[in-house]
């Protein structure tokens, strides 16, 4: 069974970093999603798609995957590019319009 281990990116609508500290393990989809005939809801017979596990470190996630004989596909997080901005720069004389 294949799992994906990654560190989630920061939400663009929030400035906090709280949701990006843990590693997340998700199962790869095992069955395709099907629309219900009557209501049109999307469903699947694969219940593993609903499982999301959180780990404090990458090593804990790898150990869990090894213990349960799962194939872990690890996605390393991309480094953030921090641009220091100042509100006062909007009104500076050297500002290029």
PDB file of N, CA and C in Angstrom:
ATOM      1  N   UNK A   1       0.839  -1.165   0.000  1.00  0.00           N
ATOM      2  CA  UNK A   1       0.000   0.000   0.000  1.00  0.00           C
ATOM      3  C   UNK A   1       0.893   1.239   0.000  1.00  0.00           C
ATOM      4  N   UNK A   2       0.510   2.241  -0.751  1.00  0.00           N
ATOM      5  CA  UNK A   2       1.316   3.440  -0.904  1.00  0.00           C
ATOM      6  C   UNK A   2       0.702   4.597  -0.115  1.00  0.00           C
ATOM      7  N   UNK A   3       1.566   5.339   0.581  1.00  0.00           N
ATOM      8  CA  UNK A   3       1.134   6.518   1.327  1.00  0.00           C
ATOM      9  C   UNK A   3       1.983   7.712   0.915  1.00  0.00           C
ATOM     10  N   UNK A   4       1.438   8.892   1.114  1.00  0.00           N
ATOM     11  CA  UNK A   4       2.149  10.126   0.802  1.00  0.00           C
ATOM     12  C   UNK A   4       2.416  10.846   2.117  1.00  0.00           C
ATOM     13  N   UNK A   5       3.686  11.201   2.350  1.00  0.00           N
ATOM     14  CA  UNK A   5       4.081  11.905   3.560  1.00  0.00           C
ATOM     15  C   UNK A   5       4.566  13.282   3.134  1.00  0.00           C
ATOM     16  N   UNK A   6       3.995  14.325   3.705  1.00  0.00           N
ATOM     17  CA  UNK A   6       4.366  15.692   3.331  1.00  0.00           C
ATOM     18  C   UNK A   6       4.148  16.635   4.503  1.00  0.00           C
ATOM     19  N   UNK A   7       4.720  17.809   4.387  1.00  0.00           N
ATOM     20  CA  UNK A   7       4.516  18.877   5.351  1.00  0.00           C
ATOM     21  C   UNK A   7       3.627  19.913   4.671  1.00  0.00           C
ATOM     22  N   UNK A   8       2.428  20.196   5.192  1.00  0.00           N
ATOM     23  CA  UNK A   8       1.503  21.081   4.486  1.00  0.00           C
ATOM     24  C   UNK A   8       2.032  22.507   4.369  1.00  0.00           C
ATOM     25  N   UNK A   9       1.650  23.168   3.296  1.00  0.00           N
ATOM     26  CA  UNK A   9       2.039  24.562   3.071  1.00  0.00           C
ATOM     27  C   UNK A   9       1.151  25.487   3.887  1.00  0.00           C
ATOM     28  N   UNK A  10       1.624  26.685   4.087  1.00  0.00           N
ATOM     29  CA  UNK A  10       0.863  27.692   4.817  1.00  0.00           C
ATOM     30  C   UNK A  10      -0.350  28.123   3.998  1.00  0.00           C
ATOM     31  N   UNK A  11      -1.456  28.324   4.669  1.00  0.00           N
ATOM     32  CA  UNK A  11      -2.666  28.798   4.015  1.00  0.00           C
ATOM     33  C   UNK A  11      -2.439  30.235   3.545  1.00  0.00           C
ATOM     34  N   UNK A  12      -2.777  30.535   2.325  1.00  0.00           N
ATOM     35  CA  UNK A  12      -2.560  31.874   1.781  1.00  0.00           C
ATOM     36  C   UNK A  12      -3.438  32.925   2.451  1.00  0.00           C
ATOM     37  N   UNK A  13      -4.526  32.518   3.072  1.00  0.00           N
ATOM     38  CA  UNK A  13      -5.436  33.465   3.691  1.00  0.00           C
ATOM     39  C   UNK A  13      -5.064  33.789   5.141  1.00  0.00           C
ATOM     40  N   UNK A  14      -4.106  33.080   5.697  1.00  0.00           N
ATOM     41  CA  UNK A  14      -3.708  33.290   7.083  1.00  0.00           C
ATOM     42  C   UNK A  14      -2.217  33.606   7.141  1.00  0.00           C
ATOM     43  N   UNK A  15      -1.811  34.340   8.149  1.00  0.00           N
ATOM     44  CA  UNK A  15      -0.397  34.678   8.282  1.00  0.00           C
ATOM     45  C   UNK A  15       0.328  33.742   9.234  1.00  0.00           C
ATOM     46  N   UNK A  16      -0.383  32.933   9.980  1.00  0.00           N
ATOM     47  CA  UNK A  16       0.240  32.063  10.973  1.00  0.00           C
ATOM     48  C   UNK A  16       0.889  30.834  10.368  1.00  0.00           C
ATOM     49  N   UNK A  17       1.821  30.259  11.124  1.00  0.00           N
ATOM     50  CA  UNK A  17       2.558  29.066  10.699  1.00  0.00           C
ATOM     51  C   UNK A  17       2.145  27.820  11.481  1.00  0.00           C
ATOM     52  N   UNK A  18       1.086  27.882  12.280  1.00  0.00           N
ATOM     53  CA  UNK A  18       0.729  26.799  13.189  1.00  0.00           C
ATOM     54  C   UNK A  18       0.417  25.489  12.467  1.00  0.00           C
ATOM     55  N   UNK A  19      -0.234  25.529  11.338  1.00  0.00           N
ATOM     56  CA  UNK A  19      -0.658  24.302  10.651  1.00  0.00           C
ATOM     57  C   UNK A  19       0.465  23.679   9.824  1.00  0.00           C
ATOM     58  N   UNK A  20       1.656  24.262   9.847  1.00  0.00           N
ATOM     59  CA  UNK A  20       2.742  23.758   9.012  1.00  0.00           C
ATOM     60  C   UNK A  20       3.829  23.065   9.813  1.00  0.00           C
ATOM     61  N   UNK A  21       3.599  22.803  11.100  1.00  0.00           N
ATOM     62  CA  UNK A  21       4.651  22.231  11.945  1.00  0.00           C
ATOM     63  C   UNK A  21       4.680  20.708  11.922  1.00  0.00           C
ATOM     64  N   UNK A  22       3.598  20.069  11.561  1.00  0.00           N
ATOM     65  CA  UNK A  22       3.507  18.608  11.605  1.00  0.00           C
ATOM     66  C   UNK A  22       3.637  18.003  10.207  1.00  0.00           C
ATOM     67  N   UNK A  23       4.042  16.744  10.183  1.00  0.00           N
ATOM     68  CA  UNK A  23       4.087  15.964   8.940  1.00  0.00           C
ATOM     69  C   UNK A  23       2.772  15.218   8.823  1.00  0.00           C
ATOM     70  N   UNK A  24       2.239  15.127   7.623  1.00  0.00           N
ATOM     71  CA  UNK A  24       0.940  14.502   7.367  1.00  0.00           C
ATOM     72  C   UNK A  24       1.146  13.264   6.496  1.00  0.00           C
ATOM     73  N   UNK A  25       0.441  12.183   6.855  1.00  0.00           N
ATOM     74  CA  UNK A  25       0.470  10.954   6.061  1.00  0.00           C
ATOM     75  C   UNK A  25      -0.936  10.676   5.548  1.00  0.00           C
ATOM     76  N   UNK A  26      -1.049  10.531   4.218  1.00  0.00           N
ATOM     77  CA  UNK A  26      -2.330  10.225   3.588  1.00  0.00           C
ATOM     78  C   UNK A  26      -2.160   9.009   2.686  1.00  0.00           C
ATOM     79  N   UNK A  27      -3.192   8.203   2.588  1.00  0.00           N
ATOM     80  CA  UNK A  27      -3.183   7.051   1.701  1.00  0.00           C
ATOM     81  C   UNK A  27      -3.496   7.488   0.276  1.00  0.00           C
ATOM     82  N   UNK A  28      -2.881   6.835  -0.670  1.00  0.00           N
ATOM     83  CA  UNK A  28      -3.195   7.084  -2.078  1.00  0.00           C
ATOM     84  C   UNK A  28      -4.582   6.519  -2.376  1.00  0.00           C
ATOM     85  N   UNK A  29      -5.339   7.125  -3.298  1.00  0.00           N
ATOM     86  CA  UNK A  29      -6.673   6.600  -3.601  1.00  0.00           C
ATOM     87  C   UNK A  29      -6.604   5.186  -4.172  1.00  0.00           C
ATOM     88  N   UNK A  30      -7.470   4.306  -3.637  1.00  0.00           N
ATOM     89  CA  UNK A  30      -7.478   2.928  -4.081  1.00  0.00           C
ATOM     90  C   UNK A  30      -8.593   2.623  -5.065  1.00  0.00           C
ATOM     91  N   UNK A  31      -9.627   3.449  -5.072  1.00  0.00           N
ATOM     92  CA  UNK A  31     -10.755   3.257  -5.981  1.00  0.00           C
ATOM     93  C   UNK A  31     -11.196   4.614  -6.513  1.00  0.00           C
ATOM     94  N   UNK A  32     -11.785   4.609  -7.686  1.00  0.00           N
ATOM     95  CA  UNK A  32     -12.210   5.880  -8.272  1.00  0.00           C
ATOM     96  C   UNK A  32     -13.483   6.377  -7.599  1.00  0.00           C
ATOM     97  N   UNK A  33     -13.692   7.659  -7.684  1.00  0.00           N
ATOM     98  CA  UNK A  33     -14.880   8.262  -7.099  1.00  0.00           C
ATOM     99  C   UNK A  33     -16.030   8.183  -8.106  1.00  0.00           C
ATOM    100  N   UNK A  34     -17.233   7.937  -7.574  1.00  0.00           N
ATOM    101  CA  UNK A  34     -18.405   7.736  -8.409  1.00  0.00           C
ATOM    102  C   UNK A  34     -19.513   8.669  -7.938  1.00  0.00           C
ATOM    103  N   UNK A  35     -20.242   9.271  -8.867  1.00  0.00           N
ATOM    104  CA  UNK A  35     -21.385  10.118  -8.529  1.00  0.00           C
ATOM    105  C   UNK A  35     -22.606   9.250  -8.256  1.00  0.00           C
ATOM    106  N   UNK A  36     -23.329   9.590  -7.189  1.00  0.00           N
ATOM    107  CA  UNK A  36     -24.555   8.885  -6.844  1.00  0.00           C
ATOM    108  C   UNK A  36     -25.630   9.184  -7.889  1.00  0.00           C
ATOM    109  N   UNK A  37     -26.417   8.186  -8.255  1.00  0.00           N
ATOM    110  CA  UNK A  37     -27.432   8.335  -9.292  1.00  0.00           C
ATOM    111  C   UNK A  37     -28.543   9.302  -8.874  1.00  0.00           C
ATOM    112  N   UNK A  38     -28.989   9.190  -7.635  1.00  0.00           N
ATOM    113  CA  UNK A  38     -30.143   9.972  -7.186  1.00  0.00           C
ATOM    114  C   UNK A  38     -29.769  11.391  -6.770  1.00  0.00           C
ATOM    115  N   UNK A  39     -28.808  11.526  -5.860  1.00  0.00           N
ATOM    116  CA  UNK A  39     -28.492  12.824  -5.285  1.00  0.00           C
ATOM    117  C   UNK A  39     -27.332  13.536  -5.979  1.00  0.00           C
ATOM    118  N   UNK A  40     -26.490  12.784  -6.684  1.00  0.00           N
ATOM    119  CA  UNK A  40     -25.353  13.390  -7.346  1.00  0.00           C
ATOM    120  C   UNK A  40     -24.149  13.567  -6.440  1.00  0.00           C
ATOM    121  N   UNK A  41     -24.205  13.010  -5.217  1.00  0.00           N
ATOM    122  CA  UNK A  41     -23.084  13.123  -4.304  1.00  0.00           C
ATOM    123  C   UNK A  41     -21.937  12.266  -4.794  1.00  0.00           C
ATOM    124  N   UNK A  42     -20.738  12.684  -4.493  1.00  0.00           N
ATOM    125  CA  UNK A  42     -19.549  11.926  -4.883  1.00  0.00           C
ATOM    126  C   UNK A  42     -19.192  10.976  -3.741  1.00  0.00           C
ATOM    127  N   UNK A  43     -18.956   9.718  -4.085  1.00  0.00           N
ATOM    128  CA  UNK A  43     -18.606   8.724  -3.081  1.00  0.00           C
ATOM    129  C   UNK A  43     -17.604   7.729  -3.625  1.00  0.00           C
ATOM    130  N   UNK A  44     -17.091   6.897  -2.739  1.00  0.00           N
ATOM    131  CA  UNK A  44     -16.115   5.888  -3.116  1.00  0.00           C
ATOM    132  C   UNK A  44     -16.218   4.715  -2.156  1.00  0.00           C
ATOM    133  N   UNK A  45     -15.750   3.564  -2.588  1.00  0.00           N
ATOM    134  CA  UNK A  45     -15.729   2.395  -1.715  1.00  0.00           C
ATOM    135  C   UNK A  45     -14.441   2.326  -0.908  1.00  0.00           C
ATOM    136  N   UNK A  46     -13.499   3.219  -1.200  1.00  0.00           N
ATOM    137  CA  UNK A  46     -12.205   3.231  -0.513  1.00  0.00           C
ATOM    138  C   UNK A  46     -12.300   4.132   0.717  1.00  0.00           C
ATOM    139  N   UNK A  47     -12.305   3.531   1.912  1.00  0.00           N
ATOM    140  CA  UNK A  47     -12.417   4.317   3.143  1.00  0.00           C
ATOM    141  C   UNK A  47     -11.077   4.864   3.610  1.00  0.00           C
ATOM    142  N   UNK A  48      -9.973   4.396   3.050  1.00  0.00           N
ATOM    143  CA  UNK A  48      -8.658   4.900   3.470  1.00  0.00           C
ATOM    144  C   UNK A  48      -8.439   6.343   3.020  1.00  0.00           C
ATOM    145  N   UNK A  49      -9.189   6.797   2.040  1.00  0.00           N
ATOM    146  CA  UNK A  49      -9.060   8.168   1.580  1.00  0.00           C
ATOM    147  C   UNK A  49      -9.514   9.182   2.618  1.00  0.00           C
ATOM    148  N   UNK A  50     -10.219   8.734   3.643  1.00  0.00           N
ATOM    149  CA  UNK A  50     -10.697   9.622   4.706  1.00  0.00           C
ATOM    150  C   UNK A  50      -9.707   9.731   5.851  1.00  0.00           C
ATOM    151  N   UNK A  51      -8.663   8.910   5.837  1.00  0.00           N
ATOM    152  CA  UNK A  51      -7.705   8.863   6.940  1.00  0.00           C
ATOM    153  C   UNK A  51      -6.556   9.820   6.671  1.00  0.00           C
ATOM    154  N   UNK A  52      -6.265  10.656   7.654  1.00  0.00           N
ATOM    155  CA  UNK A  52      -5.124  11.569   7.608  1.00  0.00           C
ATOM    156  C   UNK A  52      -4.454  11.514   8.973  1.00  0.00           C
ATOM    157  N   UNK A  53      -3.175  11.136   9.005  1.00  0.00           N
ATOM    158  CA  UNK A  53      -2.453  11.006  10.264  1.00  0.00           C
ATOM    159  C   UNK A  53      -1.384  12.087  10.358  1.00  0.00           C
ATOM    160  N   UNK A  54      -1.186  12.610  11.567  1.00  0.00           N
ATOM    161  CA  UNK A  54      -0.223  13.677  11.809  1.00  0.00           C
ATOM    162  C   UNK A  54       0.914  13.148  12.677  1.00  0.00           C
ATOM    163  N   UNK A  55       2.140  13.551  12.340  1.00  0.00           N
ATOM    164  CA  UNK A  55       3.336  13.157  13.080  1.00  0.00           C
ATOM    165  C   UNK A  55       4.168  14.396  13.365  1.00  0.00           C
ATOM    166  N   UNK A  56       4.856  14.392  14.496  1.00  0.00           N
ATOM    167  CA  UNK A  56       5.700  15.533  14.863  1.00  0.00           C
ATOM    168  C   UNK A  56       6.964  15.606  14.015  1.00  0.00           C
ATOM    169  N   UNK A  57       7.528  14.450  13.662  1.00  0.00           N
ATOM    170  CA  UNK A  57       8.767  14.433  12.874  1.00  0.00           C
ATOM    171  C   UNK A  57       8.611  13.501  11.679  1.00  0.00           C
ATOM    172  N   UNK A  58       9.486  13.677  10.712  1.00  0.00           N
ATOM    173  CA  UNK A  58       9.500  12.806   9.536  1.00  0.00           C
ATOM    174  C   UNK A  58       9.900  11.387   9.923  1.00  0.00           C
ATOM    175  N   UNK A  59      10.806  11.277  10.892  1.00  0.00           N
ATOM    176  CA  UNK A  59      11.268   9.950  11.325  1.00  0.00           C
ATOM    177  C   UNK A  59      10.129   9.128  11.933  1.00  0.00           C
ATOM    178  N   UNK A  60       9.228   9.790  12.669  1.00  0.00           N
ATOM    179  CA  UNK A  60       8.073   9.079  13.230  1.00  0.00           C
ATOM    180  C   UNK A  60       7.169   8.558  12.121  1.00  0.00           C
ATOM    181  N   UNK A  61       6.964   9.351  11.097  1.00  0.00           N
ATOM    182  CA  UNK A  61       6.126   8.931   9.974  1.00  0.00           C
ATOM    183  C   UNK A  61       6.773   7.766   9.228  1.00  0.00           C
ATOM    184  N   UNK A  62       8.082   7.843   9.023  1.00  0.00           N
ATOM    185  CA  UNK A  62       8.786   6.748   8.337  1.00  0.00           C
ATOM    186  C   UNK A  62       8.750   5.474   9.168  1.00  0.00           C
ATOM    187  N   UNK A  63       8.895   5.592  10.483  1.00  0.00           N
ATOM    188  CA  UNK A  63       8.851   4.418  11.353  1.00  0.00           C
ATOM    189  C   UNK A  63       7.471   3.775  11.324  1.00  0.00           C
ATOM    190  N   UNK A  64       6.415   4.586  11.329  1.00  0.00           N
ATOM    191  CA  UNK A  64       5.053   4.058  11.256  1.00  0.00           C
ATOM    192  C   UNK A  64       4.835   3.323   9.942  1.00  0.00           C
ATOM    193  N   UNK A  65       5.305   3.925   8.844  1.00  0.00           N
ATOM    194  CA  UNK A  65       5.149   3.293   7.534  1.00  0.00           C
ATOM    195  C   UNK A  65       5.914   1.973   7.463  1.00  0.00           C
ATOM    196  N   UNK A  66       7.109   1.939   8.007  1.00  0.00           N
ATOM    197  CA  UNK A  66       7.904   0.705   7.988  1.00  0.00           C
ATOM    198  C   UNK A  66       7.257  -0.373   8.853  1.00  0.00           C
ATOM    199  N   UNK A  67       6.723   0.018  10.005  1.00  0.00           N
ATOM    200  CA  UNK A  67       6.100  -0.942  10.915  1.00  0.00           C
ATOM    201  C   UNK A  67       4.872  -1.594  10.292  1.00  0.00           C
ATOM    202  N   UNK A  68       4.117  -0.825   9.520  1.00  0.00           N
ATOM    203  CA  UNK A  68       2.885  -1.328   8.908  1.00  0.00           C
ATOM    204  C   UNK A  68       3.071  -1.730   7.446  1.00  0.00           C
ATOM    205  N   UNK A  69       4.337  -1.828   7.010  1.00  0.00           N
ATOM    206  CA  UNK A  69       4.696  -2.276   5.655  1.00  0.00           C
ATOM    207  C   UNK A  69       4.026  -1.426   4.573  1.00  0.00           C
ATOM    208  N   UNK A  70       4.124  -0.111   4.736  1.00  0.00           N
ATOM    209  CA  UNK A  70       3.579   0.839   3.767  1.00  0.00           C
ATOM    210  C   UNK A  70       4.728   1.438   2.966  1.00  0.00           C
ATOM    211  N   UNK A  71       4.487   1.712   1.710  1.00  0.00           N
ATOM    212  CA  UNK A  71       5.490   2.355   0.854  1.00  0.00           C
ATOM    213  C   UNK A  71       5.272   3.865   0.964  1.00  0.00           C
ATOM    214  N   UNK A  72       6.252   4.552   1.555  1.00  0.00           N
ATOM    215  CA  UNK A  72       6.110   5.988   1.809  1.00  0.00           C
ATOM    216  C   UNK A  72       6.738   6.799   0.689  1.00  0.00           C
ATOM    217  N   UNK A  73       5.950   7.679   0.096  1.00  0.00           N
ATOM    218  CA  UNK A  73       6.428   8.640  -0.894  1.00  0.00           C
ATOM    219  C   UNK A  73       6.575   9.969  -0.156  1.00  0.00           C
ATOM    220  N   UNK A  74       7.811  10.392   0.100  1.00  0.00           N
ATOM    221  CA  UNK A  74       8.078  11.556   0.938  1.00  0.00           C
ATOM    222  C   UNK A  74       8.297  12.782   0.064  1.00  0.00           C
ATOM    223  N   UNK A  75       7.555  13.850   0.372  1.00  0.00           N
ATOM    224  CA  UNK A  75       7.690  15.127  -0.322  1.00  0.00           C
ATOM    225  C   UNK A  75       8.293  16.129   0.647  1.00  0.00           C
ATOM    226  N   UNK A  76       9.521  16.549   0.365  1.00  0.00           N
ATOM    227  CA  UNK A  76      10.198  17.509   1.230  1.00  0.00           C
ATOM    228  C   UNK A  76       9.582  18.901   1.033  1.00  0.00           C
ATOM    229  N   UNK A  77       9.466  19.690   2.122  1.00  0.00           N
ATOM    230  CA  UNK A  77       8.888  21.034   1.968  1.00  0.00           C
ATOM    231  C   UNK A  77       9.846  21.966   1.233  1.00  0.00           C
ATOM    232  N   UNK A  78       9.267  22.888   0.481  1.00  0.00           N
ATOM    233  CA  UNK A  78      10.069  23.872  -0.235  1.00  0.00           C
ATOM    234  C   UNK A  78      10.402  25.018   0.714  1.00  0.00           C
ATOM    235  N   UNK A  79      11.602  25.568   0.631  1.00  0.00           N
ATOM    236  CA  UNK A  79      11.943  26.680   1.531  1.00  0.00           C
ATOM    237  C   UNK A  79      11.140  27.932   1.188  1.00  0.00           C
ATOM    238  N   UNK A  80      10.786  28.675   2.217  1.00  0.00           N
ATOM    239  CA  UNK A  80      10.009  29.897   2.026  1.00  0.00           C
ATOM    240  C   UNK A  80      10.919  31.040   1.604  1.00  0.00           C
ATOM    241  N   UNK A  81      10.413  31.876   0.730  1.00  0.00           N
ATOM    242  CA  UNK A  81      11.108  33.099   0.352  1.00  0.00           C
ATOM    243  C   UNK A  81      10.465  34.238   1.126  1.00  0.00           C
ATOM    244  N   UNK A  82      11.208  34.797   2.055  1.00  0.00           N
ATOM    245  CA  UNK A  82      10.673  35.861   2.888  1.00  0.00           C
ATOM    246  C   UNK A  82      11.045  37.208   2.275  1.00  0.00           C
ATOM    247  N   UNK A  83      10.045  38.009   1.996  1.00  0.00           N
ATOM    248  CA  UNK A  83      10.262  39.361   1.501  1.00  0.00           C
ATOM    249  C   UNK A  83       9.866  40.325   2.611  1.00  0.00           C
ATOM    250  N   UNK A  84      10.848  41.058   3.092  1.00  0.00           N
ATOM    251  CA  UNK A  84      10.571  42.007   4.161  1.00  0.00           C
ATOM    252  C   UNK A  84       9.908  43.235   3.545  1.00  0.00           C
ATOM    253  N   UNK A  85       8.712  43.538   4.035  1.00  0.00           N
ATOM    254  CA  UNK A  85       7.941  44.653   3.516  1.00  0.00           C
ATOM    255  C   UNK A  85       7.614  45.609   4.646  1.00  0.00           C
ATOM    256  N   UNK A  86       7.441  46.846   4.290  1.00  0.00           N
ATOM    257  CA  UNK A  86       7.075  47.858   5.256  1.00  0.00           C
ATOM    258  C   UNK A  86       5.918  48.667   4.683  1.00  0.00           C
ATOM    259  N   UNK A  87       4.966  48.985   5.521  1.00  0.00           N
ATOM    260  CA  UNK A  87       3.827  49.779   5.082  1.00  0.00           C
ATOM    261  C   UNK A  87       4.282  51.180   4.678  1.00  0.00           C
ATOM    262  N   UNK A  88       5.308  51.688   5.335  1.00  0.00           N
ATOM    263  CA  UNK A  88       5.806  53.038   5.045  1.00  0.00           C
ATOM    264  C   UNK A  88       6.410  53.132   3.646  1.00  0.00           C
ATOM    265  N   UNK A  89       6.855  52.006   3.092  1.00  0.00           N
ATOM    266  CA  UNK A  89       7.433  52.029   1.744  1.00  0.00           C
ATOM    267  C   UNK A  89       6.399  52.415   0.682  1.00  0.00           C
ATOM    268  N   UNK A  90       5.127  52.277   0.975  1.00  0.00           N
ATOM    269  CA  UNK A  90       4.088  52.669   0.026  1.00  0.00           C
ATOM    270  C   UNK A  90       4.067  54.171  -0.202  1.00  0.00           C
ATOM    271  N   UNK A  91       4.584  54.935   0.764  1.00  0.00           N
ATOM    272  CA  UNK A  91       4.532  56.401   0.698  1.00  0.00           C
ATOM    273  C   UNK A  91       5.922  57.020   0.552  1.00  0.00           C
ATOM    274  N   UNK A  92       6.937  56.223   0.278  1.00  0.00           N
ATOM    275  CA  UNK A  92       8.308  56.738   0.181  1.00  0.00           C
ATOM    276  C   UNK A  92       8.487  57.532  -1.107  1.00  0.00           C
ATOM    277  N   UNK A  93       9.398  58.509  -1.093  1.00  0.00           N
ATOM    278  CA  UNK A  93       9.661  59.337  -2.270  1.00  0.00           C
ATOM    279  C   UNK A  93      10.384  58.524  -3.345  1.00  0.00           C
ATOM    280  N   UNK A  94      11.150  57.527  -2.954  1.00  0.00           N
ATOM    281  CA  UNK A  94      11.906  56.724  -3.915  1.00  0.00           C
ATOM    282  C   UNK A  94      11.048  55.639  -4.568  1.00  0.00           C
ATOM    283  N   UNK A  95       9.779  55.585  -4.232  1.00  0.00           N
ATOM    284  CA  UNK A  95       8.887  54.535  -4.762  1.00  0.00           C
ATOM    285  C   UNK A  95       8.695  54.683  -6.259  1.00  0.00           C
ATOM    286  N   UNK A  96       8.797  53.589  -6.971  1.00  0.00           N
ATOM    287  CA  UNK A  96       8.601  53.576  -8.424  1.00  0.00           C
ATOM    288  C   UNK A  96       7.147  53.199  -8.697  1.00  0.00           C
ATOM    289  N   UNK A  97       6.468  53.999  -9.485  1.00  0.00           N
ATOM    290  CA  UNK A  97       5.047  53.761  -9.741  1.00  0.00           C
ATOM    291  C   UNK A  97       4.872  52.924 -10.981  1.00  0.00           C
TER     292      UNK A  97
END
